[in-house]
C-alpha atoms as a PDB file:
ATOM      1  CA  MET A   1      -3.412 -91.721-133.909  1.00  0.00           C
ATOM      2  CA  ALA A   2      -2.670 -93.640-130.747  1.00  0.00           C
ATOM      3  CA  HIS A   3       1.748 -95.150-130.590  1.00  0.00           C
ATOM      4  CA  ALA A   4       2.109 -97.859-128.321  1.00  0.00           C
ATOM      5  CA  LEU A   5       4.963 -97.551-126.127  1.00  0.00           C
ATOM      6  CA  HIS A   6       7.958 -99.248-124.052  1.00  0.00           C
ATOM      7  CA  ILE A   7       8.620 -97.321-120.748  1.00  0.00           C
ATOM      8  CA  VAL A   8      11.283 -98.163-118.167  1.00  0.00           C
ATOM      9  CA  VAL A   9      11.432 -96.787-115.585  1.00  0.00           C
ATOM     10  CA  CYS A  10      14.052 -96.686-113.218  1.00  0.00           C
ATOM     11  CA  ALA A  11      13.871 -96.382-109.814  1.00  0.00           C
ATOM     12  CA  GLY A  12      15.872 -97.292-106.404  1.00  0.00           C
ATOM     13  CA  ILE A  13      14.624 -98.094-102.796  1.00  0.00           C
ATOM     14  CA  VAL A  14      15.564 -95.503-100.619  1.00  0.00           C
ATOM     15  CA  PRO A  15      15.259 -95.305 -96.488  1.00  0.00           C
ATOM     16  CA  ASP A  16      12.646 -93.321 -95.182  1.00  0.00           C
ATOM     17  CA  PRO A  17      13.436 -90.061 -95.377  1.00  0.00           C
ATOM     18  CA  LEU A  18      11.463 -89.307 -91.634  1.00  0.00           C
ATOM     19  CA  GLN A  19      14.069 -91.674 -89.920  1.00  0.00           C
ATOM     20  CA  THR A  20      17.189 -90.096 -88.675  1.00  0.00           C
ATOM     21  CA  LEU A  21      19.961 -90.981 -90.768  1.00  0.00           C
ATOM     22  CA  GLU A  22      23.489 -91.370 -89.601  1.00  0.00           C
ATOM     23  CA  PRO A  23      26.166 -91.899 -92.132  1.00  0.00           C
ATOM     24  CA  ILE A  24      28.864 -94.038 -90.659  1.00  0.00           C
ATOM     25  CA  THR A  25      32.422 -95.570 -92.255  1.00  0.00           C
ATOM     26  CA  GLY A  26      32.194 -99.548 -92.212  1.00  0.00           C
ATOM     27  CA  LEU A  27      34.339-101.688 -93.202  1.00  0.00           C
ATOM     28  CA  THR A  28      32.898-102.217 -97.100  1.00  0.00           C
ATOM     29  CA  GLY A  29      33.199 -98.203 -96.923  1.00  0.00           C
ATOM     30  CA  PRO A  30      30.680 -95.545 -96.035  1.00  0.00           C
ATOM     31  CA  GLY A  31      26.631 -96.324 -95.273  1.00  0.00           C
ATOM     32  CA  LEU A  32      24.105 -95.326 -93.139  1.00  0.00           C
ATOM     33  CA  LYS A  33      24.235 -96.659 -89.672  1.00  0.00           C
ATOM     34  CA  ASN A  34      21.267 -99.742 -89.051  1.00  0.00           C
ATOM     35  CA  GLU A  35      20.682 -98.791 -92.777  1.00  0.00           C
ATOM     36  CA  MET A  36      18.975-102.754 -93.213  1.00  0.00           C
ATOM     37  CA  VAL A  37      16.410-101.770 -90.777  1.00  0.00           C
ATOM     38  CA  LEU A  38      15.108 -98.416 -91.533  1.00  0.00           C
ATOM     39  CA  PRO A  39      12.066 -98.801 -93.547  1.00  0.00           C
ATOM     40  CA  ALA A  40      12.515 -98.517 -97.428  1.00  0.00           C
ATOM     41  CA  VAL A  41      10.192 -96.045-100.112  1.00  0.00           C
ATOM     42  CA  LEU A  42      10.435 -96.071-103.806  1.00  0.00           C
ATOM     43  CA  ASP A  43      13.358 -93.423-104.295  1.00  0.00           C
ATOM     44  CA  PRO A  44      10.903 -90.158-104.336  1.00  0.00           C
ATOM     45  CA  TRP A  45      11.778 -88.509-107.432  1.00  0.00           C
ATOM     46  CA  ALA A  46      11.460 -92.057-109.629  1.00  0.00           C
ATOM     47  CA  ALA A  47       8.267 -92.492-108.162  1.00  0.00           C
ATOM     48  CA  CYS A  48       7.036 -89.161-109.878  1.00  0.00           C
ATOM     49  CA  ALA A  49       8.278 -91.248-112.975  1.00  0.00           C
ATOM     50  CA  LEU A  50       6.893 -93.890-111.944  1.00  0.00           C
ATOM     51  CA  TYR A  51       3.138 -92.371-111.886  1.00  0.00           C
ATOM     52  CA  GLU A  52       3.862 -90.188-115.096  1.00  0.00           C
ATOM     53  CA  ALA A  53       4.379 -93.748-116.927  1.00  0.00           C
ATOM     54  CA  ALA A  54       1.351 -95.127-116.023  1.00  0.00           C
ATOM     55  CA  ALA A  55      -0.511 -92.297-116.898  1.00  0.00           C
ATOM     56  CA  LEU A  56       1.340 -91.813-120.155  1.00  0.00           C
ATOM     57  CA  ALA A  57       0.659 -95.794-120.732  1.00  0.00           C
ATOM     58  CA  THR A  58      -3.032 -94.999-120.409  1.00  0.00           C
ATOM     59  CA  LYS A  59      -3.032 -93.042-123.348  1.00  0.00           C
ATOM     60  CA  ASN A  60      -1.377 -94.845-125.550  1.00  0.00           C
ATOM     61  CA  PRO A  61      -3.288 -98.270-125.371  1.00  0.00           C
ATOM     62  CA  GLY A  62      -0.920-101.412-126.495  1.00  0.00           C
ATOM     63  CA  SER A  63       1.951 -99.170-124.250  1.00  0.00           C
ATOM     64  CA  LYS A  64       3.679-101.034-121.224  1.00  0.00           C
ATOM     65  CA  VAL A  65       5.493-100.023-117.822  1.00  0.00           C
ATOM     66  CA  TRP A  66       8.291-102.034-116.561  1.00  0.00           C
ATOM     67  CA  LEU A  67       9.978-100.543-113.537  1.00  0.00           C
ATOM     68  CA  VAL A  68      13.654-101.709-113.335  1.00  0.00           C
ATOM     69  CA  SER A  69      15.266-101.233-108.863  1.00  0.00           C
ATOM     70  CA  LEU A  70      18.259-102.616-107.153  1.00  0.00           C
ATOM     71  CA  GLY A  71      18.639-103.672-103.992  1.00  0.00           C
ATOM     72  CA  PRO A  72      18.100-106.335-101.269  1.00  0.00           C
ATOM     73  CA  LYS A  73      15.030-108.426-102.359  1.00  0.00           C
ATOM     74  CA  ALA A  74      13.526-108.657 -98.652  1.00  0.00           C
ATOM     75  CA  LYS A  75      13.672-104.623 -98.959  1.00  0.00           C
ATOM     76  CA  LEU A  76      11.766-104.716-102.553  1.00  0.00           C
ATOM     77  CA  GLN A  77       9.199-107.368-101.545  1.00  0.00           C
ATOM     78  CA  ALA A  78       7.962-105.135 -98.766  1.00  0.00           C
ATOM     79  CA  VAL A  79       8.514-101.380-100.857  1.00  0.00           C
ATOM     80  CA  MET A  80       6.485-103.009-103.544  1.00  0.00           C
ATOM     81  CA  MET A  81       3.602-104.379-101.524  1.00  0.00           C
ATOM     82  CA  THR A  82       2.904-100.779-100.963  1.00  0.00           C
ATOM     83  CA  VAL A  83       3.768 -99.915-104.583  1.00  0.00           C
ATOM     84  CA  ALA A  84       1.622-101.908-106.418  1.00  0.00           C
ATOM     85  CA  GLN A  85      -1.246-100.862-105.432  1.00  0.00           C
ATOM     86  CA  LYS A  86      -0.871 -97.141-107.107  1.00  0.00           C
ATOM     87  CA  VAL A  87      -0.377 -98.421-111.080  1.00  0.00           C
ATOM     88  CA  ASN A  88       0.299-100.844-113.308  1.00  0.00           C
ATOM     89  CA  PHE A  89       3.677-102.446-113.571  1.00  0.00           C
ATOM     90  CA  GLU A  90       5.608-105.174-114.673  1.00  0.00           C
ATOM     91  CA  LEU A  91       8.595-105.360-111.758  1.00  0.00           C
ATOM     92  CA  VAL A  92      12.157-106.546-113.243  1.00  0.00           C
ATOM     93  CA  PRO A  93      14.415-106.567-109.835  1.00  0.00           C
ATOM     94  CA  ILE A  94      18.033-106.835-109.234  1.00  0.00           C
ATOM     95  CA  ASP A  95      19.163-108.001-106.011  1.00  0.00           C
ATOM     96  CA  GLY A  96      22.316-105.953-104.993  1.00  0.00           C
ATOM     97  CA  PRO A  97      22.963-102.943-102.535  1.00  0.00           C
ATOM     98  CA  ILE A  98      21.180-100.573-100.800  1.00  0.00           C
ATOM     99  CA  GLY A  99      22.690 -97.343-100.622  1.00  0.00           C
ATOM    100  CA  GLY A 100      23.846 -94.147-102.087  1.00  0.00           C
ATOM    101  CA  PHE A 101      27.818 -94.650-101.951  1.00  0.00           C
ATOM    102  CA  HIS A 102      28.051 -96.824-105.021  1.00  0.00           C
ATOM    103  CA  ASP A 103      29.517 -95.992-108.186  1.00  0.00           C
ATOM    104  CA  ALA A 104      27.583 -94.794-110.816  1.00  0.00           C
ATOM    105  CA  HIS A 105      28.941 -96.359-113.549  1.00  0.00           C
ATOM    106  CA  ALA A 106      28.733 -99.913-112.001  1.00  0.00           C
ATOM    107  CA  THR A 107      24.879 -99.410-111.080  1.00  0.00           C
ATOM    108  CA  ALA A 108      24.387 -98.036-114.951  1.00  0.00           C
ATOM    109  CA  ALA A 109      25.810-101.493-116.263  1.00  0.00           C
ATOM    110  CA  ALA A 110      23.579-103.901-113.987  1.00  0.00           C
ATOM    111  CA  LEU A 111      20.531-101.891-115.114  1.00  0.00           C
ATOM    112  CA  ALA A 112      21.370-101.394-117.799  1.00  0.00           C
ATOM    113  CA  ASP A 113      22.274-105.332-118.382  1.00  0.00           C
ATOM    114  CA  ALA A 114      18.534-105.977-116.382  1.00  0.00           C
ATOM    115  CA  ILE A 115      16.555-103.731-119.066  1.00  0.00           C
ATOM    116  CA  ALA A 116      18.746-105.517-122.362  1.00  0.00           C
ATOM    117  CA  ALA A 117      17.385-108.268-120.686  1.00  0.00           C
ATOM    118  CA  ILE A 118      13.185-107.967-121.163  1.00  0.00           C
ATOM    119  CA  PRO A 119      11.738-109.985-123.270  1.00  0.00           C
ATOM    120  CA  GLY A 120       9.813-108.572-125.808  1.00  0.00           C
ATOM    121  CA  LEU A 121      11.420-105.189-125.380  1.00  0.00           C
ATOM    122  CA  ASP A 122      11.230-103.022-128.376  1.00  0.00           C
ATOM    123  CA  ARG A 123      14.123-100.556-128.173  1.00  0.00           C
ATOM    124  CA  ASP A 124      12.746 -98.145-131.325  1.00  0.00           C
ATOM    125  CA  ARG A 125       9.656 -97.501-129.102  1.00  0.00           C
ATOM    126  CA  LEU A 126      11.809 -97.267-125.589  1.00  0.00           C
ATOM    127  CA  LEU A 127      11.311 -93.745-123.313  1.00  0.00           C
ATOM    128  CA  LEU A 128      13.678 -94.409-119.987  1.00  0.00           C
ATOM    129  CA  PHE A 129      12.377 -92.928-117.543  1.00  0.00           C
ATOM    130  CA  GLY A 130      13.872 -92.326-114.247  1.00  0.00           C
ATOM    131  CA  GLY A 131      13.992 -89.502-111.212  1.00  0.00           C
ATOM    132  CA  TRP A 132      16.164 -86.229-112.088  1.00  0.00           C
ATOM    133  CA  GLU A 133      17.845 -86.606-109.560  1.00  0.00           C
ATOM    134  CA  SER A 134      17.555 -89.318-106.896  1.00  0.00           C
ATOM    135  CA  ALA A 135      17.768 -89.755-102.746  1.00  0.00           C
ATOM    136  CA  THR A 136      20.262 -92.838-102.952  1.00  0.00           C
ATOM    137  CA  ARG A 137      22.914 -93.530-105.990  1.00  0.00           C
ATOM    138  CA  GLY A 138      21.426 -90.525-108.653  1.00  0.00           C
ATOM    139  CA  ALA A 139      24.836 -89.096-107.898  1.00  0.00           C
ATOM    140  CA  GLY A 140      22.879 -86.924-111.204  1.00  0.00           C
ATOM    141  CA  VAL A 141      24.504 -89.064-113.775  1.00  0.00           C
ATOM    142  CA  THR A 142      23.258 -92.843-113.573  1.00  0.00           C
ATOM    143  CA  LEU A 143      20.036 -92.898-115.557  1.00  0.00           C
ATOM    144  CA  GLN A 144      22.134 -90.520-118.285  1.00  0.00           C
ATOM    145  CA  LEU A 145      25.100 -93.275-118.656  1.00  0.00           C
ATOM    146  CA  VAL A 146      22.297 -95.985-118.991  1.00  0.00           C
ATOM    147  CA  GLY A 147      21.245 -94.188-122.131  1.00  0.00           C
ATOM    148  CA  GLU A 148      24.375 -93.947-123.604  1.00  0.00           C
ATOM    149  CA  ARG A 149      24.901 -98.072-123.402  1.00  0.00           C
ATOM    150  CA  PHE A 150      21.695 -98.055-125.390  1.00  0.00           C
ATOM    151  CA  GLY A 151      22.922 -95.592-127.469  1.00  0.00           C
ATOM    152  CA  ILE A 152      20.350 -92.844-126.960  1.00  0.00           C
ATOM    153  CA  SER A 153      20.869 -89.526-127.564  1.00  0.00           C
ATOM    154  CA  ASP A 154      18.034 -87.983-127.190  1.00  0.00           C
ATOM    155  CA  GLN A 155      18.114 -86.950-123.321  1.00  0.00           C
ATOM    156  CA  PHE A 156      15.972 -85.117-120.792  1.00  0.00           C
ATOM    157  CA  GLN A 157      16.399 -83.897-117.843  1.00  0.00           C
ATOM    158  CA  GLY A 158      14.386 -81.948-115.125  1.00  0.00           C
ATOM    159  CA  VAL A 159      11.450 -83.114-117.053  1.00  0.00           C
ATOM    160  CA  ASP A 160       7.869 -81.907-115.909  1.00  0.00           C
ATOM    161  CA  GLU A 161       5.654 -82.900-118.939  1.00  0.00           C
ATOM    162  CA  ILE A 162       5.708 -84.717-121.739  1.00  0.00           C
ATOM    163  CA  GLU A 163       3.180 -84.529-124.365  1.00  0.00           C
ATOM    164  CA  LEU A 164       2.841 -86.789-127.630  1.00  0.00           C
ATOM    165  CA  ARG A 165       1.702 -85.967-131.150  1.00  0.00           C
ATOM    166  CA  ASP A 166       0.058 -87.552-133.080  1.00  0.00           C
ATOM    167  CA  ASP A 167       3.186 -87.910-136.192  1.00  0.00           C
ATOM    168  CA  GLY A 168       4.598 -89.850-132.892  1.00  0.00           C
ATOM    169  CA  SER A 169       6.821 -86.637-132.294  1.00  0.00           C
ATOM    170  CA  PHE A 170       6.565 -85.332-128.543  1.00  0.00           C
ATOM    171  CA  GLU A 171       6.747 -82.255-126.913  1.00  0.00           C
ATOM    172  CA  VAL A 172       9.069 -81.641-123.226  1.00  0.00           C
ATOM    173  CA  LEU A 173       9.158 -79.601-120.535  1.00  0.00           C
ATOM    174  CA  GLU A 174      11.963 -78.971-119.263  1.00  0.00           C
ATOM    175  CA  ARG A 175      13.179 -77.254-116.095  1.00  0.00           C
ATOM    176  CA  VAL A 176      15.326 -74.571-116.508  1.00  0.00           C
ATOM    177  CA  GLU A 177      16.586 -71.086-114.302  1.00  0.00           C
ATOM    178  CA  GLY A 178      13.498 -68.841-113.058  1.00  0.00           C
ATOM    179  CA  GLY A 179      10.943 -70.969-112.873  1.00  0.00           C
ATOM    180  CA  LYS A 180      10.615 -71.109-116.355  1.00  0.00           C
ATOM    181  CA  HIS A 181      10.820 -73.944-118.613  1.00  0.00           C
ATOM    182  CA  GLN A 182      12.560 -75.001-121.671  1.00  0.00           C
ATOM    183  CA  VAL A 183      10.298 -76.685-124.929  1.00  0.00           C
ATOM    184  CA  SER A 184      11.769 -79.248-127.045  1.00  0.00           C
ATOM    185  CA  ILE A 185      10.292 -81.553-129.423  1.00  0.00           C
ATOM    186  CA  CYS A 186      11.565 -84.962-130.108  1.00  0.00           C
ATOM    187  CA  ALA A 187      10.664 -86.464-133.607  1.00  0.00           C
ATOM    188  CA  GLY A 188      10.158 -89.500-131.634  1.00  0.00           C
ATOM    189  CA  THR A 189      11.329 -92.570-129.739  1.00  0.00           C
ATOM    190  CA  PRO A 190      13.703 -93.844-127.833  1.00  0.00           C
ATOM    191  CA  ALA A 191      14.661 -91.041-125.547  1.00  0.00           C
ATOM    192  CA  VAL A 192      15.678 -90.777-122.227  1.00  0.00           C
ATOM    193  CA  LEU A 193      13.665 -88.675-119.645  1.00  0.00           C
ATOM    194  CA  GLY A 194      14.558 -87.371-116.214  1.00  0.00           C
ATOM    195  CA  TRP A 195      11.641 -86.466-114.209  1.00  0.00           C
ATOM    196  CA  ALA A 196      11.011 -83.479-111.747  1.00  0.00           C
ATOM    197  CA  THR A 197       8.132 -83.357-110.039  1.00  0.00           C
ATOM    198  CA  GLY A 198       5.916 -83.903-112.733  1.00  0.00           C
ATOM    199  CA  ASN A 199       2.161 -82.914-113.298  1.00  0.00           C
ATOM    200  CA  LEU A 200       0.724 -85.823-111.759  1.00  0.00           C
ATOM    201  CA  ALA A 201      -0.373 -86.217-107.572  1.00  0.00           C
ATOM    202  CA  GLU A 202      -0.009 -89.356-106.404  1.00  0.00           C
ATOM    203  CA  PRO A 203      -2.396 -92.187-107.191  1.00  0.00           C
ATOM    204  CA  ARG A 204      -4.608 -93.535-104.465  1.00  0.00           C
ATOM    205  CA  ASN A 205      -3.840 -97.627-103.268  1.00  0.00           C
ATOM    206  CA  ASN A 206      -5.827 -99.621-105.729  1.00  0.00           C
ATOM    207  CA  PRO A 207      -6.031-102.800-104.022  1.00  0.00           C
ATOM    208  CA  GLN A 208      -7.380-104.867-107.560  1.00  0.00           C
ATOM    209  CA  VAL A 209      -4.503-103.000-108.844  1.00  0.00           C
ATOM    210  CA  GLY A 210      -2.065-104.444-106.009  1.00  0.00           C
ATOM    211  CA  MET A 211      -3.610-107.832-106.691  1.00  0.00           C
ATOM    212  CA  ALA A 212      -3.139-108.051-110.536  1.00  0.00           C
ATOM    213  CA  ASN A 213       0.686-106.404-110.292  1.00  0.00           C
ATOM    214  CA  MET A 214       1.656-109.013-107.023  1.00  0.00           C
ATOM    215  CA  ARG A 215       0.886-112.027-109.372  1.00  0.00           C
ATOM    216  CA  THR A 216       4.153-111.034-111.550  1.00  0.00           C
ATOM    217  CA  ILE A 217       6.159-109.143-108.786  1.00  0.00           C
ATOM    218  CA  MET A 218       6.357-112.244-106.491  1.00  0.00           C
ATOM    219  CA  PRO A 219       7.918-114.251-108.974  1.00  0.00           C
ATOM    220  CA  ALA A 220      10.052-111.831-110.719  1.00  0.00           C
ATOM    221  CA  LEU A 221      11.509-111.661-107.106  1.00  0.00           C
ATOM    222  CA  GLN A 222      12.003-115.437-106.595  1.00  0.00           C
ATOM    223  CA  LYS A 223      13.821-114.696-109.787  1.00  0.00           C
ATOM    224  CA  ALA A 224      15.668-111.809-109.432  1.00  0.00           C
ATOM    225  CA  LYS A 225      19.393-112.144-110.461  1.00  0.00           C
ATOM    226  CA  SER A 226      22.241-111.446-108.059  1.00  0.00           C
ATOM    227  CA  ALA A 227      24.228-108.234-109.384  1.00  0.00           C
ATOM    228  CA  SER A 228      27.579-106.770-107.111  1.00  0.00           C
ATOM    229  CA  ILE A 229      28.057-103.089-107.658  1.00  0.00           C
ATOM    230  CA  PRO A 230      31.880-102.778-107.509  1.00  0.00           C
ATOM    231  CA  ALA A 231      33.389 -99.668-106.023  1.00  0.00           C
ATOM    232  CA  ASN A 232      36.396 -98.940-109.190  1.00  0.00           C
ATOM    233  CA  GLY A 233      38.433 -96.749-107.303  1.00  0.00           C
ATOM    234  CA  LEU A 234      35.451 -94.886-105.993  1.00  0.00           C
ATOM    235  CA  HIS A 235      36.791 -93.509-102.663  1.00  0.00           C
ATOM    236  CA  TYR A 236      35.206 -91.641 -99.850  1.00  0.00           C
ATOM    237  CA  VAL A 237      37.659 -90.176 -97.487  1.00  0.00           C
ATOM    238  CA  SER A 238      35.087 -89.630 -94.772  1.00  0.00           C
ATOM    239  CA  VAL A 239      31.122 -89.301 -94.385  1.00  0.00           C
ATOM    240  CA  ALA A 240      29.456 -87.137 -92.002  1.00  0.00           C
ATOM    241  CA  LEU A 241      26.292 -84.894 -91.190  1.00  0.00           C
ATOM    242  CA  PRO A 242      25.663 -81.389 -92.738  1.00  0.00           C
ATOM    243  CA  LYS A 243      26.794 -79.322 -89.741  1.00  0.00           C
ATOM    244  CA  GLN A 244      23.552 -77.312 -88.112  1.00  0.00           C
ATOM    245  CA  GLN A 245      24.323 -73.353 -88.029  1.00  0.00           C
ATOM    246  CA  ARG A 246      22.388 -70.343 -87.740  1.00  0.00           C
ATOM    247  CA  THR A 247      23.826 -67.019 -88.460  1.00  0.00           C
ATOM    248  CA  THR A 248      21.289 -64.321 -88.577  1.00  0.00           C
ATOM    249  CA  LYS A 249      22.379 -60.911 -90.249  1.00  0.00           C
ATOM    250  CA  VAL A 250      20.074 -58.077 -90.743  1.00  0.00           C
ATOM    251  CA  VAL A 251      21.286 -55.366 -93.031  1.00  0.00           C
ATOM    252  CA  LYS A 252      19.358 -52.233 -95.411  1.00  0.00           C
ATOM    253  CA  ASP A 253      20.028 -51.662 -98.647  1.00  0.00           C
ATOM    254  CA  LEU A 254      22.581 -53.753-100.196  1.00  0.00           C
ATOM    255  CA  THR A 255      22.719 -54.561-103.374  1.00  0.00           C
ATOM    256  CA  PRO A 256      22.333 -58.223-105.464  1.00  0.00           C
ATOM    257  CA  GLU A 257      25.797 -58.420-106.179  1.00  0.00           C
ATOM    258  CA  GLU A 258      27.396 -57.274-101.917  1.00  0.00           C
ATOM    259  CA  ILE A 259      24.906 -60.050-100.714  1.00  0.00           C
ATOM    260  CA  ALA A 260      26.578 -62.711-103.392  1.00  0.00           C
ATOM    261  CA  HIS A 261      29.747 -61.895-102.361  1.00  0.00           C
ATOM    262  CA  GLU A 262      28.836 -61.795 -98.237  1.00  0.00           C
ATOM    263  CA  LEU A 263      27.279 -65.269 -99.397  1.00  0.00           C
ATOM    264  CA  VAL A 264      30.894 -66.015-101.112  1.00  0.00           C
ATOM    265  CA  ALA A 265      33.221 -65.110 -98.356  1.00  0.00           C
ATOM    266  CA  TRP A 266      30.679 -66.979 -95.986  1.00  0.00           C
ATOM    267  CA  ILE A 267      30.810 -70.303 -97.798  1.00  0.00           C
ATOM    268  CA  GLY A 268      34.485 -70.230 -98.529  1.00  0.00           C
ATOM    269  CA  ALA A 269      35.443 -69.787 -94.444  1.00  0.00           C
ATOM    270  CA  GLU A 270      33.421 -73.133 -94.010  1.00  0.00           C
END
């Protein structure tokens, strides 16, 4: 028996990782050099969540997918021109700053307010999706904080698969150490799922899907509400690229404990 779901995907936009990203400290705090002119893409982890959400909605007739994204409207429009051709969704844009140096609590508050304002959203049927990690503002806690604001205690991180059952419950595979998965059974919605890479390939571009999505995306962008993300006391002493260093050492017959001690000593010397 199919169960109609309301799936909300939280997905930020990030500078294309193929570009050279140089951190700088400006008048408003840390950021990236020429960030506003860098080409942007949908956050890779969140993109996996979007594709999994669309596939799950297809398997369960009556389901609906919303994509909630925080970023400058001009950047969001450019990214959506590509993303809209992948899968069906309704965009909920928030006109706000881009970047990975903003406070996770303030970001979560803006996302939660936008989700709460979605017309017709049934919280009893809600699945809140997002990236397990993020290339920009995830901080490892943003999605969890959004779920907490809705009082959702069933949260899963590092998800690779979800299988919905006939009674409305579902099985979740979460990544754990050693290349294994933890299998969990959840009685039903609502729930929060932070996705790893999932099992689906990136969908092909479909111009018909893109045209259908753009009919709602463009009006949504025009009506996007602005959101300021306060620092909330967050302060960075400095930002810099990681140092490139390569030290090769060939040693035979060391035990794992001895290797671990050497690694700890090397890291501690940095």
